[in-house]
N, C-alpha and C. Protein backbone atom coordinates (compact mmCIF):
# COMPACT_ATOMS: atom_id res chain seq x y z
N MET A 1 96.59 114.43 98.71
CA MET A 1 97.19 113.37 99.63
C MET A 1 98.71 113.48 99.76
N GLN A 2 99.45 113.59 99.41
CA GLN A 2 100.89 113.23 99.40
C GLN A 2 101.12 114.45 101.11
N ASP A 3 100.67 114.82 101.07
CA ASP A 3 100.32 115.97 102.66
C ASP A 3 100.03 115.11 104.01
N VAL A 4 99.38 114.17 103.27
CA VAL A 4 98.65 112.79 103.98
C VAL A 4 99.35 111.55 104.70
N ARG A 5 100.13 112.04 102.85
CA ARG A 5 100.77 110.56 103.45
C ARG A 5 102.14 110.81 103.71
N LYS A 6 102.71 112.00 103.72
CA LYS A 6 104.40 112.57 103.97
C LYS A 6 103.78 112.67 105.31
N ASP A 7 102.91 113.07 106.30
CA ASP A 7 102.19 113.45 107.63
C ASP A 7 101.98 112.11 108.40
N LEU A 8 101.37 110.86 107.75
CA LEU A 8 101.70 109.64 108.16
C LEU A 8 102.44 108.87 108.07
N ASN A 9 103.59 109.39 107.50
CA ASN A 9 105.21 108.50 107.04
C ASN A 9 106.05 108.94 108.53
N ASP A 10 105.52 110.93 109.09
CA ASP A 10 106.08 111.93 109.92
C ASP A 10 105.72 110.09 111.26
N ARG A 11 104.69 110.57 111.13
CA ARG A 11 104.33 110.58 113.01
C ARG A 11 104.72 108.83 113.27
N VAL A 12 104.59 107.63 111.67
CA VAL A 12 105.08 107.11 112.21
C VAL A 12 106.30 106.72 112.46
N ASN A 13 107.50 107.68 112.04
CA ASN A 13 108.58 107.46 112.41
C ASN A 13 108.81 108.42 113.26
N THR A 14 108.16 109.25 114.00
CA THR A 14 108.65 109.93 115.16
C THR A 14 107.62 109.52 116.73
N GLY A 15 107.30 108.35 116.34
CA GLY A 15 105.91 107.56 117.30
C GLY A 15 104.88 108.50 118.02
N VAL A 16 104.96 109.75 117.40
CA VAL A 16 103.53 110.93 117.61
C VAL A 16 102.35 110.32 116.74
N LEU A 17 101.40 109.05 117.10
CA LEU A 17 100.59 108.64 116.58
C LEU A 17 99.15 109.31 116.47
N LEU A 18 98.42 108.93 116.08
CA LEU A 18 97.02 109.92 115.97
C LEU A 18 96.23 109.11 116.57
N SER A 19 95.42 109.94 117.06
CA SER A 19 94.34 108.99 118.22
C SER A 19 93.59 108.01 117.26
N PHE A 20 92.58 107.44 118.09
CA PHE A 20 91.41 106.25 116.84
C PHE A 20 90.91 107.39 116.85
N ALA A 21 90.36 108.75 117.35
CA ALA A 21 89.20 109.47 117.05
C ALA A 21 89.89 110.22 115.54
N GLU A 22 90.01 110.85 116.02
CA GLU A 22 91.70 111.29 114.68
C GLU A 22 91.58 110.71 113.86
N LEU A 23 92.80 109.51 113.77
CA LEU A 23 92.38 107.56 112.66
C LEU A 23 91.51 107.67 111.54
N GLN A 24 90.06 107.88 113.00
CA GLN A 24 88.48 107.93 112.38
C GLN A 24 88.41 108.30 110.92
N THR A 25 88.33 109.83 111.49
CA THR A 25 88.25 111.26 110.56
C THR A 25 89.13 110.65 109.34
N LEU A 26 90.52 110.72 109.53
CA LEU A 26 91.07 110.78 108.30
C LEU A 26 89.90 108.80 107.96
N SER A 27 90.48 108.29 108.05
CA SER A 27 89.49 106.88 107.63
C SER A 27 89.19 107.19 105.84
N LYS A 28 88.07 108.32 107.25
CA LYS A 28 86.85 108.08 106.37
C LYS A 28 87.44 109.36 105.02
N ARG A 29 87.83 110.39 105.37
CA ARG A 29 88.74 111.20 104.50
C ARG A 29 89.71 110.77 103.25
N VAL A 30 90.72 109.64 103.66
CA VAL A 30 91.05 109.34 102.79
C VAL A 30 89.95 107.84 102.16
N LEU A 31 89.40 107.74 102.77
CA LEU A 31 88.36 106.46 101.49
C LEU A 31 87.39 107.64 100.68
N SER A 32 87.01 108.10 101.08
CA SER A 32 86.55 109.27 99.91
C SER A 32 87.22 109.93 99.01
N PHE A 33 88.38 110.68 99.04
CA PHE A 33 88.68 111.21 98.45
C PHE A 33 89.72 109.66 97.32
N VAL A 34 90.06 108.07 97.98
CA VAL A 34 89.89 107.30 96.97
C VAL A 34 88.82 107.19 96.37
N SER A 35 87.65 106.85 96.42
CA SER A 35 86.70 106.86 95.85
C SER A 35 86.18 107.48 95.22
N GLU A 36 86.15 109.19 94.86
CA GLU A 36 86.18 110.30 94.37
C GLU A 36 87.36 109.64 92.91
N GLN A 37 88.49 109.38 93.51
CA GLN A 37 89.11 109.96 92.43
C GLN A 37 88.54 108.53 91.47
N ALA A 38 88.44 107.07 92.12
CA ALA A 38 88.48 106.32 91.00
C ALA A 38 87.05 106.48 90.32
N ARG A 39 86.19 107.19 90.42
CA ARG A 39 84.57 107.15 89.92
C ARG A 39 84.70 108.08 88.90
N LYS A 40 85.86 109.66 88.95
CA LYS A 40 86.44 109.68 87.86
C LYS A 40 86.46 109.51 87.41
N ASP A 41 87.94 108.32 87.24
CA ASP A 41 88.81 107.92 86.27
C ASP A 41 87.52 106.88 85.88
N PHE A 42 87.04 106.42 86.56
CA PHE A 42 86.17 105.40 85.52
C PHE A 42 85.33 106.17 84.66
N GLU A 43 84.21 107.30 84.83
CA GLU A 43 83.69 108.25 83.80
C GLU A 43 84.68 108.40 82.86
N GLU A 44 85.84 108.85 83.08
CA GLU A 44 86.36 108.81 81.90
C GLU A 44 86.65 108.18 80.75
N LEU A 45 87.30 106.30 81.52
CA LEU A 45 87.58 105.48 80.29
C LEU A 45 86.57 105.28 79.81
N MET A 46 85.55 105.39 80.85
CA MET A 46 83.36 104.93 80.34
C MET A 46 83.40 105.19 78.54
N THR A 47 83.58 107.37 78.96
CA THR A 47 83.71 108.07 77.85
C THR A 47 84.43 107.66 76.48
N LEU A 48 85.91 107.41 77.43
CA LEU A 48 86.61 107.45 75.59
C LEU A 48 86.74 105.65 75.56
N ASP A 49 86.32 104.83 75.94
CA ASP A 49 85.21 103.87 75.39
C ASP A 49 84.38 103.64 74.53
N GLN A 50 83.82 104.17 75.20
CA GLN A 50 82.16 104.97 73.54
C GLN A 50 83.02 104.87 72.63
N HIS A 51 84.06 105.80 72.53
CA HIS A 51 84.29 106.43 71.19
C HIS A 51 84.86 106.06 70.39
N TYR A 52 86.05 104.72 71.13
CA TYR A 52 86.36 103.82 71.12
C TYR A 52 85.48 102.69 70.22
N CYS A 53 85.17 102.21 71.10
CA CYS A 53 84.24 101.10 70.48
C CYS A 53 83.51 101.38 68.95
N GLN A 54 83.17 103.09 68.84
CA GLN A 54 82.29 102.86 67.30
C GLN A 54 83.44 102.60 66.31
N SER A 55 84.72 102.85 66.54
CA SER A 55 85.91 102.69 65.41
C SER A 55 85.41 101.01 65.10
N PRO A 56 85.84 101.19 63.34
CA PRO A 56 85.89 99.96 62.95
C PRO A 56 86.61 99.03 63.16
N TYR A 57 87.39 99.93 63.88
CA TYR A 57 88.73 98.97 64.11
C TYR A 57 88.43 97.87 65.02
N PHE A 58 87.61 97.90 65.97
CA PHE A 58 87.72 97.76 67.95
C PHE A 58 87.13 96.48 67.54
N ASN A 59 88.55 96.04 68.16
CA ASN A 59 88.75 94.77 68.87
C ASN A 59 89.01 94.19 69.69
N PRO A 60 88.54 93.78 70.72
CA PRO A 60 88.47 93.66 71.85
C PRO A 60 89.23 92.22 72.15
N GLN A 61 90.06 92.39 73.33
CA GLN A 61 90.86 91.57 73.70
C GLN A 61 90.90 91.55 75.06
N LEU A 62 90.67 90.41 75.82
CA LEU A 62 90.55 89.67 77.12
C LEU A 62 92.06 89.59 77.30
N ARG A 63 92.34 90.06 79.42
CA ARG A 63 93.58 90.08 79.65
C ARG A 63 93.09 88.58 80.39
N GLN A 64 94.12 87.49 80.34
CA GLN A 64 93.64 86.33 80.84
C GLN A 64 94.43 86.16 82.05
N GLU A 65 95.53 87.83 82.53
CA GLU A 65 96.48 86.69 83.54
C GLU A 65 96.18 87.53 84.64
N ILE A 66 94.75 88.07 84.80
CA ILE A 66 94.00 88.84 86.03
C ILE A 66 94.38 88.45 86.70
N PRO A 67 95.76 89.69 87.49
CA PRO A 67 95.64 88.83 89.28
C PRO A 67 94.18 88.52 90.02
N PRO A 68 94.61 87.93 91.73
CA PRO A 68 93.45 87.92 92.25
C PRO A 68 93.43 89.23 93.67
N LEU A 69 92.36 89.36 93.84
CA LEU A 69 92.27 90.49 94.83
C LEU A 69 92.46 89.87 96.25
N THR A 70 93.24 91.41 96.91
CA THR A 70 93.95 90.69 97.44
C THR A 70 92.88 91.68 99.56
N PRO A 71 92.49 91.31 100.43
CA PRO A 71 91.63 91.29 101.02
C PRO A 71 92.60 92.83 101.65
N VAL A 72 92.17 94.44 102.08
CA VAL A 72 92.71 94.76 102.47
C VAL A 72 92.35 94.93 104.25
N PRO A 73 92.82 94.55 105.39
CA PRO A 73 92.76 94.21 106.65
C PRO A 73 91.77 95.31 106.70
N LEU A 74 90.91 95.10 107.85
CA LEU A 74 89.69 96.50 107.83
C LEU A 74 90.40 96.13 109.41
N PHE A 75 89.76 97.58 109.77
CA PHE A 75 89.77 98.68 110.48
C PHE A 75 89.40 97.99 112.20
N GLU A 76 89.59 98.44 113.10
CA GLU A 76 89.17 98.14 114.54
C GLU A 76 87.25 98.52 114.42
N ASP A 77 86.94 98.49 115.07
CA ASP A 77 85.58 99.73 115.48
C ASP A 77 85.71 100.68 116.52
N PHE A 78 85.72 101.03 115.37
CA PHE A 78 85.90 102.43 115.47
C PHE A 78 85.25 103.20 116.67
N ARG A 79 84.27 103.37 116.43
CA ARG A 79 83.31 103.80 118.07
C ARG A 79 83.52 103.16 119.14
N THR A 80 84.39 102.08 119.53
CA THR A 80 84.80 101.75 120.95
C THR A 80 85.83 102.04 120.86
N LEU A 81 86.94 101.92 119.64
CA LEU A 81 88.32 102.28 120.08
C LEU A 81 88.86 103.79 120.41
N SER A 82 87.43 105.09 119.61
CA SER A 82 88.13 106.41 119.98
C SER A 82 87.42 106.65 121.37
N SER A 83 86.35 105.80 122.32
CA SER A 83 86.51 106.30 123.40
C SER A 83 87.38 106.21 124.59
N VAL A 84 88.32 105.49 123.70
CA VAL A 84 89.31 104.78 124.91
C VAL A 84 90.37 104.66 125.52
N SER A 85 90.69 105.61 126.81
CA SER A 85 92.12 106.18 127.11
C SER A 85 93.19 105.00 126.98
N ILE A 86 94.17 105.50 125.97
CA ILE A 86 95.30 103.87 126.88
C ILE A 86 96.33 103.64 127.60
N SER A 87 96.10 105.15 128.11
CA SER A 87 96.63 105.43 129.89
C SER A 87 96.02 104.64 131.13
N THR A 88 94.80 104.59 130.55
CA THR A 88 94.23 103.66 131.62
C THR A 88 94.27 102.06 131.77
N HIS A 89 95.03 101.40 130.68
CA HIS A 89 95.14 100.11 130.80
C HIS A 89 96.53 99.97 131.46
N THR A 90 96.29 98.68 131.49
CA THR A 90 97.54 97.89 131.93
C THR A 90 98.65 97.90 130.36
N PRO A 91 100.06 97.85 131.39
CA PRO A 91 100.99 98.02 130.70
C PRO A 91 101.24 97.28 128.80
N CYS A 92 101.03 95.97 129.16
CA CYS A 92 100.01 95.18 128.08
C CYS A 92 99.31 95.29 127.05
N ALA A 93 98.12 95.97 127.55
CA ALA A 93 97.04 96.98 126.77
C ALA A 93 97.65 98.10 126.44
N GLN A 94 98.11 98.63 126.93
CA GLN A 94 98.85 99.73 126.44
C GLN A 94 100.02 99.43 125.11
N SER A 95 100.77 98.64 125.65
CA SER A 95 100.81 98.11 124.09
C SER A 95 100.71 97.68 123.26
N LYS A 96 99.53 97.18 123.05
CA LYS A 96 98.45 96.19 121.60
C LYS A 96 97.39 97.41 121.40
N MET A 97 97.19 98.35 122.64
CA MET A 97 96.80 99.59 121.50
C MET A 97 97.35 100.26 120.42
N ARG A 98 99.49 100.64 121.30
CA ARG A 98 99.22 101.08 120.28
C ARG A 98 99.93 100.54 119.18
N GLN A 99 100.09 99.03 119.15
CA GLN A 99 100.25 98.42 118.45
C GLN A 99 99.45 98.52 116.98
N LEU A 100 98.09 98.77 117.65
CA LEU A 100 97.38 98.92 116.72
C LEU A 100 96.94 100.14 116.36
N GLN A 101 96.70 101.27 116.74
CA GLN A 101 97.49 102.53 116.07
C GLN A 101 98.32 102.41 115.00
N GLU A 102 99.22 102.21 115.38
CA GLU A 102 100.60 101.78 114.21
C GLU A 102 100.29 100.89 112.94
N ASN A 103 99.50 99.85 112.97
CA ASN A 103 98.96 99.05 112.06
C ASN A 103 98.10 99.79 111.57
N ILE A 104 97.16 100.33 112.35
CA ILE A 104 95.63 101.74 111.33
C ILE A 104 96.77 102.39 110.67
N HIS A 105 97.98 103.74 111.00
CA HIS A 105 98.37 104.47 109.74
C HIS A 105 99.14 103.27 109.11
N HIS A 106 99.73 102.41 109.22
CA HIS A 106 100.87 101.20 107.84
C HIS A 106 99.93 100.88 107.33
N TYR A 107 97.84 100.67 107.59
CA TYR A 107 97.31 100.32 106.48
C TYR A 107 96.20 101.87 105.98
N LEU A 108 97.02 103.40 106.65
CA LEU A 108 96.12 104.02 105.49
C LEU A 108 97.61 104.24 104.96
N LEU A 109 98.31 103.87 105.14
CA LEU A 109 99.63 104.03 104.35
C LEU A 109 99.63 103.37 103.18
N ARG A 110 99.32 102.33 102.71
CA ARG A 110 99.75 101.24 102.10
C ARG A 110 97.89 101.56 101.29
N LEU A 111 96.95 101.78 102.19
CA LEU A 111 95.88 102.56 101.00
C LEU A 111 96.20 103.57 100.16
N LEU A 112 96.82 104.58 100.73
CA LEU A 112 96.66 105.84 99.68
C LEU A 112 98.06 105.00 98.77
N ASP A 113 98.36 104.45 98.72
CA ASP A 113 99.79 103.31 97.84
C ASP A 113 99.62 102.36 96.83
N MET A 114 98.56 101.76 97.08
CA MET A 114 97.59 100.74 96.31
C MET A 114 96.29 102.16 95.70
N SER A 115 96.16 103.06 96.06
CA SER A 115 95.23 104.43 94.94
C SER A 115 95.66 104.07 94.29
N GLU A 116 97.09 105.19 95.13
CA GLU A 116 98.03 105.94 93.57
C GLU A 116 98.29 104.89 92.26
N SER A 117 98.80 103.60 92.73
CA SER A 117 98.79 102.55 92.04
C SER A 117 98.28 102.40 91.20
N GLN A 118 97.33 102.56 91.15
CA GLN A 118 95.54 102.26 90.85
C GLN A 118 95.34 103.41 89.20
N HIS A 119 95.82 103.91 90.14
CA HIS A 119 95.38 105.95 89.24
C HIS A 119 95.98 105.15 88.46
N ARG A 120 97.78 104.86 88.68
CA ARG A 120 98.19 105.49 87.49
C ARG A 120 97.70 105.00 86.46
N GLU A 121 97.83 103.44 86.95
CA GLU A 121 97.51 102.15 85.43
C GLU A 121 96.11 102.54 84.89
N ARG A 122 94.89 102.98 85.88
CA ARG A 122 93.49 103.76 84.90
C ARG A 122 94.36 104.89 84.11
N LEU A 123 95.13 105.51 84.05
CA LEU A 123 96.36 106.97 83.54
C LEU A 123 96.83 106.40 81.99
N GLN A 124 97.19 104.85 81.89
CA GLN A 124 98.27 104.62 81.47
C GLN A 124 96.96 104.13 80.25
N LEU A 125 95.86 103.36 80.57
CA LEU A 125 94.73 102.63 79.58
C LEU A 125 94.23 103.31 78.90
N MET A 126 94.10 105.37 79.74
CA MET A 126 93.13 106.36 78.97
C MET A 126 93.76 106.71 77.68
N LYS A 127 95.51 106.96 78.46
CA LYS A 127 96.59 106.70 77.75
C LYS A 127 96.57 105.90 76.27
N ILE A 128 95.73 104.46 76.45
CA ILE A 128 96.63 103.54 75.43
C ILE A 128 95.52 103.40 74.46
N ILE A 129 94.14 104.12 75.02
CA ILE A 129 93.09 104.50 74.43
C ILE A 129 93.20 105.27 73.41
N ILE A 130 93.42 106.20 73.93
CA ILE A 130 93.25 107.92 73.28
C ILE A 130 94.89 107.56 71.67
N SER A 131 95.35 106.80 72.49
CA SER A 131 96.56 106.39 71.04
C SER A 131 95.99 105.51 70.14
N HIS A 132 95.13 104.91 70.60
CA HIS A 132 93.94 103.97 69.92
C HIS A 132 94.03 104.81 68.35
N ILE A 133 92.25 105.62 69.25
CA ILE A 133 91.17 106.17 68.54
C ILE A 133 92.26 107.36 67.35
N GLU A 134 93.51 108.41 67.89
CA GLU A 134 94.15 109.19 67.74
C GLU A 134 94.52 108.01 65.94
N GLY A 135 95.30 106.99 66.73
CA GLY A 135 95.96 105.92 65.09
C GLY A 135 94.23 105.87 64.50
N VAL A 136 93.06 105.52 64.86
CA VAL A 136 92.01 105.75 63.81
C VAL A 136 91.71 106.67 63.15
N THR A 137 91.54 107.53 64.03
CA THR A 137 91.34 108.73 63.14
C THR A 137 92.14 109.34 62.25
N SER A 138 93.15 109.10 62.10
CA SER A 138 94.28 109.96 61.27
C SER A 138 94.02 109.38 60.18
């Protein structure tokens, strides 16, 4: 997804934005990637957790400071937007539609950043569990 991130950044910086139809397709692709990556990570975590829980030294401790979930802004209805031509609207409407396109580009970039950050956290957790398992079995 690094290529997608780079392309989105370039488009925002140059002002050559994707159409709403293209954004709809890209959003589906990004969401599919994010969900598949998380699914794979959680499967690995569950496998490691099952192995770790069999250890006689297993002592779970809950983290008390769980950060609150922040809602991710939802995209407008793409079915309607993808059929709208910006050039046929008044200058004010054109400006608002352009701003909405930019916002969707930024939301996708934020989603990719959050996904990458969460993936790194899951990998760090796997590393910790593996070090505990190796420490117990040595």
